[in-house]
Amino acid sequence: MTRTPGEPLNEAAYGALAPEVEDYLHHLGVERRLAARTVTLYRDALHRLQGSAGAEGVPLKQAQPHHLRSWAARLRGTGLGPRSIALALAAWRGLYRHWGRRGEVVANPVEGLRAPKVGKPLPKALSVEQAVQLAEHAQHQAAMPEAESDPRLALRDHAIVELLYGSGLRVAEILGLDARASGQAERAGHGWIDLPDATAHVLGKGSKRRSVPVGGAALGALQAWLSVRPLLARGDEPALFVSRRGTRLSASQLRLRLKAQSQASGLATPVHPHMLRHSFASHLLQSSGDLRAVQELLGHASITTTQVYTKLDHQHLAKVYDAAHPRARRKGP
């Protein structure tokens, strides 16, 4: 059966995953707390693995390295790019490591497989002017009740834009925030906003907690949103950001709202949440030059991850030089 590259696999057509594979995905989502999007991508990759093994009648736990090499080679023929193939191999390798720790397989047949080399494109960030344009549009919408069928949603969206750009949070981090600190938030692995302290306490990757300052613009937007949140949220819903139905906002809902905001603001490129995180990091580094501080604010385990923003900073400086320096442009003969 053919499908468009990147299209989610259809379980009805490809069959349900084996219980022991579902157990691994449950381990990723519940015990390791991987993002829902990552678990979905791993599920897709494991469907491919199970499908290849089933087509050849090879039990997954008895697969050998030559089987995995053959199945990995087929991934190219499906139209997958290097990044998708690398992710698929990571999912396969993780599954066999999981079984290995449990003593269910003797060796990991994926261990020797190498993913195709993938170029590392620079993260896409808005310019300062574009980021301010988006934030000011969201603020304008929030100040005009007639511009939104439900003006409470405009206040919510403005707070989200200001917090994403002002604090550099990941999607999972901002959606995991509760309106207030509580023992329930701690137990559920949630973060929370401390308005008096102007701080967001978030749960990042690897279940690592960190505290991030919240700027004045975001504080004002959050206070405006919190003043109307009780009119929208269900009585027992702890989430800071809730949907029209009063329950915790989902990642897909956030992405759609932000895309609509960016288009309505007049930006040529649709904005996704991580683009605002990149913009936060790039603009902060341009202003401060403090790579270690940016690393801490972003919650990066390694500073090499943060160093990519120095390249964005260099690009910015190069553009300024090209536009302003009298000797930057080559003159014709």
Protein backbone atom coordinates (compact mmCIF):
# COMPACT_ATOMS: atom_id res chain seq x y z
CA MET A 1 0.00 0.00 0.00
CA THR A 2 1.42 3.38 -0.99
CA ARG A 3 1.18 6.52 1.09
CA THR A 4 2.52 10.04 1.05
CA PRO A 5 5.83 10.39 2.90
CA GLY A 6 5.18 11.76 6.38
CA GLU A 7 1.51 10.74 6.34
CA PRO A 8 0.55 8.95 9.59
CA LEU A 9 0.21 5.19 9.26
CA ASN A 10 -3.31 3.79 9.35
CA GLU A 11 -3.61 1.03 11.95
CA ALA A 12 -6.72 -0.36 10.28
CA ALA A 13 -4.70 -0.93 7.11
CA TYR A 14 -1.35 -1.90 8.64
CA GLY A 15 -2.55 -3.76 11.71
CA ALA A 16 -2.23 -2.96 15.38
CA LEU A 17 1.17 -3.05 17.04
CA ALA A 18 2.08 -6.12 19.06
CA PRO A 19 1.49 -5.78 22.84
CA GLU A 20 5.22 -5.89 23.59
CA VAL A 21 5.78 -2.97 21.18
CA GLU A 22 2.89 -1.03 22.73
CA ASP A 23 4.52 -1.70 26.10
CA TYR A 24 7.68 0.04 24.89
CA LEU A 25 5.71 3.08 23.67
CA HIS A 26 3.95 3.23 27.03
CA HIS A 27 7.38 3.20 28.67
CA LEU A 28 8.47 6.15 26.51
CA GLY A 29 5.37 8.21 27.21
CA VAL A 30 4.82 7.47 30.90
CA GLU A 31 8.16 6.53 32.42
CA ARG A 32 10.54 8.56 30.24
CA ARG A 33 7.97 11.33 29.68
CA LEU A 34 8.81 11.87 26.01
CA ALA A 35 6.67 14.41 24.20
CA ALA A 36 3.45 13.08 22.66
CA ARG A 37 4.69 14.13 19.20
CA THR A 38 7.88 12.07 19.65
CA VAL A 39 5.91 9.02 20.77
CA THR A 40 3.67 9.39 17.70
CA LEU A 41 6.71 9.47 15.39
CA TYR A 42 8.19 6.42 17.14
CA ARG A 43 4.85 4.63 16.73
CA ASP A 44 4.98 5.29 12.98
CA ALA A 45 8.56 3.94 12.81
CA LEU A 46 7.68 0.81 14.78
CA HIS A 47 4.73 0.15 12.49
CA ARG A 48 7.21 0.10 9.62
CA LEU A 49 9.49 -2.28 11.51
CA GLN A 50 6.67 -4.65 12.41
CA GLY A 51 5.34 -4.52 8.85
CA SER A 52 8.72 -5.45 7.34
CA ALA A 53 9.19 -8.30 9.82
CA GLY A 54 5.68 -9.58 9.25
CA ALA A 55 6.08 -9.54 5.47
CA GLU A 56 9.07 -11.90 5.80
CA GLY A 57 7.64 -13.97 8.62
CA VAL A 58 10.45 -12.99 11.00
CA PRO A 59 9.51 -12.67 14.70
CA LEU A 60 10.76 -9.28 15.87
CA LYS A 61 12.66 -10.70 18.83
CA GLN A 62 14.48 -13.13 16.54
CA ALA A 63 15.50 -10.58 13.91
CA GLN A 64 19.18 -10.52 13.01
CA PRO A 65 21.41 -7.65 11.84
CA HIS A 66 21.06 -8.64 8.18
CA HIS A 67 17.27 -8.40 8.52
CA LEU A 68 17.50 -4.91 9.98
CA ARG A 69 19.96 -3.79 7.28
CA SER A 70 17.54 -4.95 4.62
CA TRP A 71 14.53 -3.28 6.25
CA ALA A 72 16.46 -0.06 6.78
CA ALA A 73 17.47 -0.03 3.11
CA ARG A 74 13.80 -0.19 2.16
CA LEU A 75 13.06 3.01 4.03
CA ARG A 76 14.74 5.04 1.29
CA GLY A 77 12.41 3.49 -1.28
CA THR A 78 9.36 4.73 0.64
CA GLY A 79 10.36 8.34 0.06
CA LEU A 80 11.62 9.03 3.57
CA GLY A 81 14.33 11.65 3.93
CA PRO A 82 17.53 11.24 5.96
CA ARG A 83 16.02 12.76 9.10
CA SER A 84 13.00 10.46 9.04
CA ILE A 85 15.24 7.44 8.45
CA ALA A 86 17.47 8.47 11.36
CA LEU A 87 14.43 8.80 13.60
CA ALA A 88 13.13 5.39 12.50
CA LEU A 89 16.46 3.74 13.32
CA ALA A 90 16.50 5.49 16.70
CA ALA A 91 13.04 4.07 17.44
CA TRP A 92 14.09 0.56 16.36
CA ARG A 93 17.33 0.74 18.33
CA GLY A 94 15.48 1.93 21.42
CA LEU A 95 12.99 -0.93 21.21
CA TYR A 96 15.72 -3.58 21.14
CA ARG A 97 17.64 -1.87 23.94
CA HIS A 98 14.46 -1.93 26.00
CA TRP A 99 14.07 -5.64 25.35
CA GLY A 100 17.76 -6.19 26.03
CA ARG A 101 17.50 -4.60 29.48
CA ARG A 102 14.70 -7.03 30.21
CA GLY A 103 16.69 -10.00 28.96
CA GLU A 104 14.23 -10.63 26.12
CA VAL A 105 16.86 -10.40 23.35
CA VAL A 106 20.52 -11.42 23.45
CA ALA A 107 21.88 -8.62 21.24
CA ASN A 108 20.63 -5.45 19.60
CA PRO A 109 20.46 -6.08 15.82
CA VAL A 110 20.20 -2.33 15.12
CA GLU A 111 23.35 -1.37 17.03
CA GLY A 112 25.68 -1.45 14.03
CA LEU A 113 23.35 0.39 11.64
CA ARG A 114 24.23 3.96 10.82
CA ALA A 115 21.71 6.52 9.74
CA PRO A 116 22.43 8.56 6.59
CA LYS A 117 24.23 11.80 7.27
CA VAL A 118 21.88 14.69 7.79
CA GLY A 119 22.79 18.28 7.26
CA LYS A 120 21.93 20.50 10.18
CA PRO A 121 19.94 23.48 8.93
CA LEU A 122 19.96 26.54 11.12
CA PRO A 123 16.80 27.03 13.18
CA LYS A 124 14.32 29.47 11.68
CA ALA A 125 13.92 32.60 13.76
CA LEU A 126 11.96 35.79 13.27
CA SER A 127 13.66 39.13 13.14
CA VAL A 128 13.12 41.40 16.15
CA GLU A 129 10.73 43.49 14.05
CA GLN A 130 8.71 40.45 12.99
CA ALA A 131 8.47 39.11 16.55
CA VAL A 132 7.29 42.49 17.83
CA GLN A 133 4.81 42.72 14.93
CA LEU A 134 3.30 39.37 15.92
CA ALA A 135 3.15 40.24 19.62
CA GLU A 136 1.62 43.66 18.97
CA HIS A 137 -1.00 42.15 16.66
CA ALA A 138 -1.96 39.64 19.38
CA GLN A 139 -2.15 42.51 21.88
CA HIS A 140 -4.34 44.53 19.51
CA GLN A 141 -6.68 41.57 19.02
CA ALA A 142 -6.95 41.11 22.78
CA ALA A 143 -7.88 44.76 23.19
CA MET A 144 -10.67 44.53 20.58
CA PRO A 145 -13.49 42.25 21.85
CA GLU A 146 -15.34 42.51 18.54
CA ALA A 147 -12.36 41.02 16.68
CA GLU A 148 -12.86 37.56 18.19
CA SER A 149 -16.05 35.51 18.50
CA ASP A 150 -14.91 34.73 22.05
CA PRO A 151 -12.75 37.61 23.38
CA ARG A 152 -11.44 35.36 26.16
CA LEU A 153 -9.58 33.35 23.52
CA ALA A 154 -7.90 36.52 22.22
CA LEU A 155 -6.61 37.26 25.72
CA ARG A 156 -5.37 33.68 26.02
CA ASP A 157 -3.62 33.77 22.65
CA HIS A 158 -1.91 37.06 23.48
CA ALA A 159 -0.58 35.57 26.73
CA ILE A 160 0.71 32.51 24.86
CA VAL A 161 2.55 34.60 22.24
CA GLU A 162 4.15 36.81 24.90
CA LEU A 163 5.20 33.82 27.00
CA LEU A 164 6.60 31.84 24.06
CA TYR A 165 8.66 34.77 22.82
CA GLY A 166 9.41 36.32 26.21
CA SER A 167 10.54 33.15 28.01
CA GLY A 168 11.56 30.77 25.20
CA LEU A 169 9.45 27.85 26.38
CA ARG A 170 8.91 24.63 24.46
CA VAL A 171 5.36 23.68 23.42
CA ALA A 172 5.17 20.87 25.98
CA GLU A 173 6.48 23.20 28.69
CA ILE A 174 3.95 25.95 28.11
CA LEU A 175 1.06 23.51 27.79
CA GLY A 176 2.22 21.71 30.93
CA LEU A 177 1.88 24.85 33.05
CA ASP A 178 -0.80 24.99 35.73
CA ALA A 179 -2.37 28.23 36.87
CA ARG A 180 -0.87 27.86 40.33
CA ALA A 181 1.59 25.75 42.29
CA SER A 182 0.17 22.72 44.08
CA GLY A 183 1.06 19.25 45.27
CA GLN A 184 -1.09 17.93 42.43
CA ALA A 185 1.02 19.84 39.89
CA GLU A 186 4.19 18.30 41.35
CA ARG A 187 2.77 14.78 41.27
CA ALA A 188 1.41 15.19 37.73
CA GLY A 189 4.75 16.46 36.43
CA HIS A 190 3.39 19.92 35.63
CA GLY A 191 4.89 23.36 35.90
CA TRP A 192 3.23 26.54 37.11
CA ILE A 193 3.34 30.32 36.91
CA ASP A 194 4.36 32.42 39.90
CA LEU A 195 3.11 35.92 39.03
CA PRO A 196 4.36 37.71 42.19
CA ASP A 197 7.85 36.33 41.54
CA ALA A 198 7.56 36.88 37.74
CA THR A 199 8.74 33.30 37.16
CA ALA A 200 7.62 30.28 35.16
CA HIS A 201 8.57 26.98 36.81
CA VAL A 202 8.61 24.43 33.99
CA LEU A 203 9.27 20.73 33.53
CA GLY A 204 11.62 20.35 30.58
CA LYS A 205 13.12 17.44 28.68
CA GLY A 206 14.27 14.53 30.78
CA SER A 207 11.88 15.63 33.55
CA LYS A 208 14.31 18.39 34.53
CA ARG A 209 12.78 21.38 36.25
CA ARG A 210 13.99 24.91 35.72
CA SER A 211 12.79 28.42 36.54
CA VAL A 212 12.55 31.02 33.79
CA PRO A 213 11.92 34.75 34.27
CA VAL A 214 8.72 36.18 32.82
CA GLY A 215 9.00 39.66 31.30
CA GLY A 216 6.71 42.61 31.87
CA ALA A 217 4.77 42.24 28.61
CA ALA A 218 4.06 38.57 29.32
CA LEU A 219 3.08 39.33 32.95
CA GLY A 220 0.54 41.89 31.83
CA ALA A 221 -0.90 39.53 29.22
CA LEU A 222 -1.06 36.68 31.75
CA GLN A 223 -2.86 38.82 34.31
CA ALA A 224 -5.43 39.84 31.70
CA TRP A 225 -5.94 36.19 30.71
CA LEU A 226 -6.18 34.97 34.30
CA SER A 227 -8.90 37.52 34.99
CA VAL A 228 -11.19 35.78 32.47
CA ARG A 229 -9.85 32.21 32.69
CA PRO A 230 -12.38 31.16 35.38
CA LEU A 231 -15.18 32.01 32.94
CA LEU A 232 -13.84 29.44 30.47
CA ALA A 233 -12.04 26.74 32.48
CA ARG A 234 -13.87 23.83 34.02
CA GLY A 235 -14.05 24.00 37.78
CA ASP A 236 -11.48 21.26 38.40
CA GLU A 237 -9.14 22.07 35.48
CA PRO A 238 -5.70 23.16 36.78
CA ALA A 239 -4.19 24.05 33.37
CA LEU A 240 -3.04 27.62 32.83
CA PHE A 241 -4.14 27.58 29.18
CA VAL A 242 -7.47 25.96 28.38
CA SER A 243 -9.40 25.38 25.18
CA ARG A 244 -12.86 26.63 24.26
CA ARG A 245 -14.22 23.54 26.04
CA GLY A 246 -12.48 24.46 29.28
CA THR A 247 -9.89 21.67 29.26
CA ARG A 248 -6.10 21.83 28.87
CA LEU A 249 -5.13 23.24 25.47
CA SER A 250 -3.55 20.69 23.10
CA ALA A 251 -0.40 21.14 21.02
CA SER A 252 -2.33 20.98 17.75
CA GLN A 253 -4.77 23.65 18.94
CA LEU A 254 -1.90 25.92 19.96
CA ARG A 255 -0.14 25.48 16.61
CA LEU A 256 -3.30 26.26 14.64
CA ARG A 257 -4.06 29.38 16.68
CA LEU A 258 -0.48 30.67 16.40
CA LYS A 259 -0.42 30.04 12.65
CA ALA A 260 -3.67 31.99 12.26
CA GLN A 261 -2.27 34.81 14.43
CA SER A 262 0.90 35.08 12.35
CA GLN A 263 -1.00 35.15 9.08
CA ALA A 264 -3.46 37.75 10.39
CA SER A 265 -0.54 39.89 11.59
CA GLY A 266 0.77 40.15 8.02
CA LEU A 267 3.86 37.96 8.37
CA ALA A 268 4.77 36.21 5.12
CA THR A 269 5.85 32.97 6.84
CA PRO A 270 3.47 31.01 9.10
CA VAL A 271 4.92 30.95 12.60
CA HIS A 272 5.14 27.75 14.65
CA PRO A 273 5.76 27.75 18.44
CA HIS A 274 9.38 26.58 18.24
CA MET A 275 10.16 29.49 15.92
CA LEU A 276 9.37 31.84 18.80
CA ARG A 277 11.70 29.84 21.05
CA HIS A 278 14.44 30.20 18.42
CA SER A 279 13.68 33.91 18.17
CA PHE A 280 13.90 34.31 21.95
CA ALA A 281 17.31 32.63 22.03
CA SER A 282 18.70 34.43 18.99
CA HIS A 283 17.58 37.90 20.09
CA LEU A 284 18.79 37.37 23.65
CA LEU A 285 22.18 36.24 22.43
CA GLN A 286 22.43 39.19 20.04
CA SER A 287 21.80 41.56 22.94
CA SER A 288 23.78 39.90 25.71
CA GLY A 289 26.41 37.68 24.09
CA ASP A 290 26.08 35.41 27.14
CA LEU A 291 25.90 31.88 25.73
CA ARG A 292 25.85 30.19 29.15
CA ALA A 293 22.89 32.25 30.31
CA VAL A 294 20.96 31.42 27.13
CA GLN A 295 21.76 27.73 27.64
CA GLU A 296 20.37 27.84 31.18
CA LEU A 297 17.23 29.70 30.14
CA LEU A 298 16.54 27.25 27.30
CA GLY A 299 17.20 24.22 29.50
CA HIS A 300 19.80 22.72 27.14
CA ALA A 301 21.81 19.89 28.71
CA SER A 302 24.81 20.65 26.48
CA ILE A 303 26.12 24.03 25.42
CA THR A 304 26.83 22.62 21.95
CA THR A 305 23.06 22.61 21.40
CA THR A 306 22.93 26.31 22.27
CA GLN A 307 25.91 27.19 20.08
CA VAL A 308 23.78 26.95 16.94
CA TYR A 309 22.41 30.37 17.87
CA THR A 310 25.86 31.89 17.54
CA LYS A 311 25.59 31.08 13.84
CA LEU A 312 22.25 32.87 13.67
CA ASP A 313 23.88 35.79 15.48
CA HIS A 314 26.69 35.79 12.90
CA GLN A 315 24.11 35.81 10.09
CA HIS A 316 22.42 38.80 11.69
CA LEU A 317 25.72 40.69 12.00
CA ALA A 318 26.64 39.85 8.41
CA LYS A 319 23.33 41.29 7.17
CA VAL A 320 23.86 44.46 9.20
CA TYR A 321 27.39 44.76 7.76
CA ASP A 322 26.23 44.19 4.19
CA ALA A 323 23.49 46.79 4.55
CA ALA A 324 25.44 49.46 6.41
CA HIS A 325 29.17 49.32 5.78
CA PRO A 326 30.36 51.48 2.85
CA ARG A 327 32.96 48.89 1.81
CA ALA A 328 30.73 45.83 2.15
CA ARG A 329 29.25 45.83 -1.32
CA ARG A 330 31.31 45.14 -4.36
CA LYS A 331 31.26 47.81 -6.98
CA GLY A 332 31.08 47.04 -10.63
CA PRO A 333 33.97 47.80 -13.00
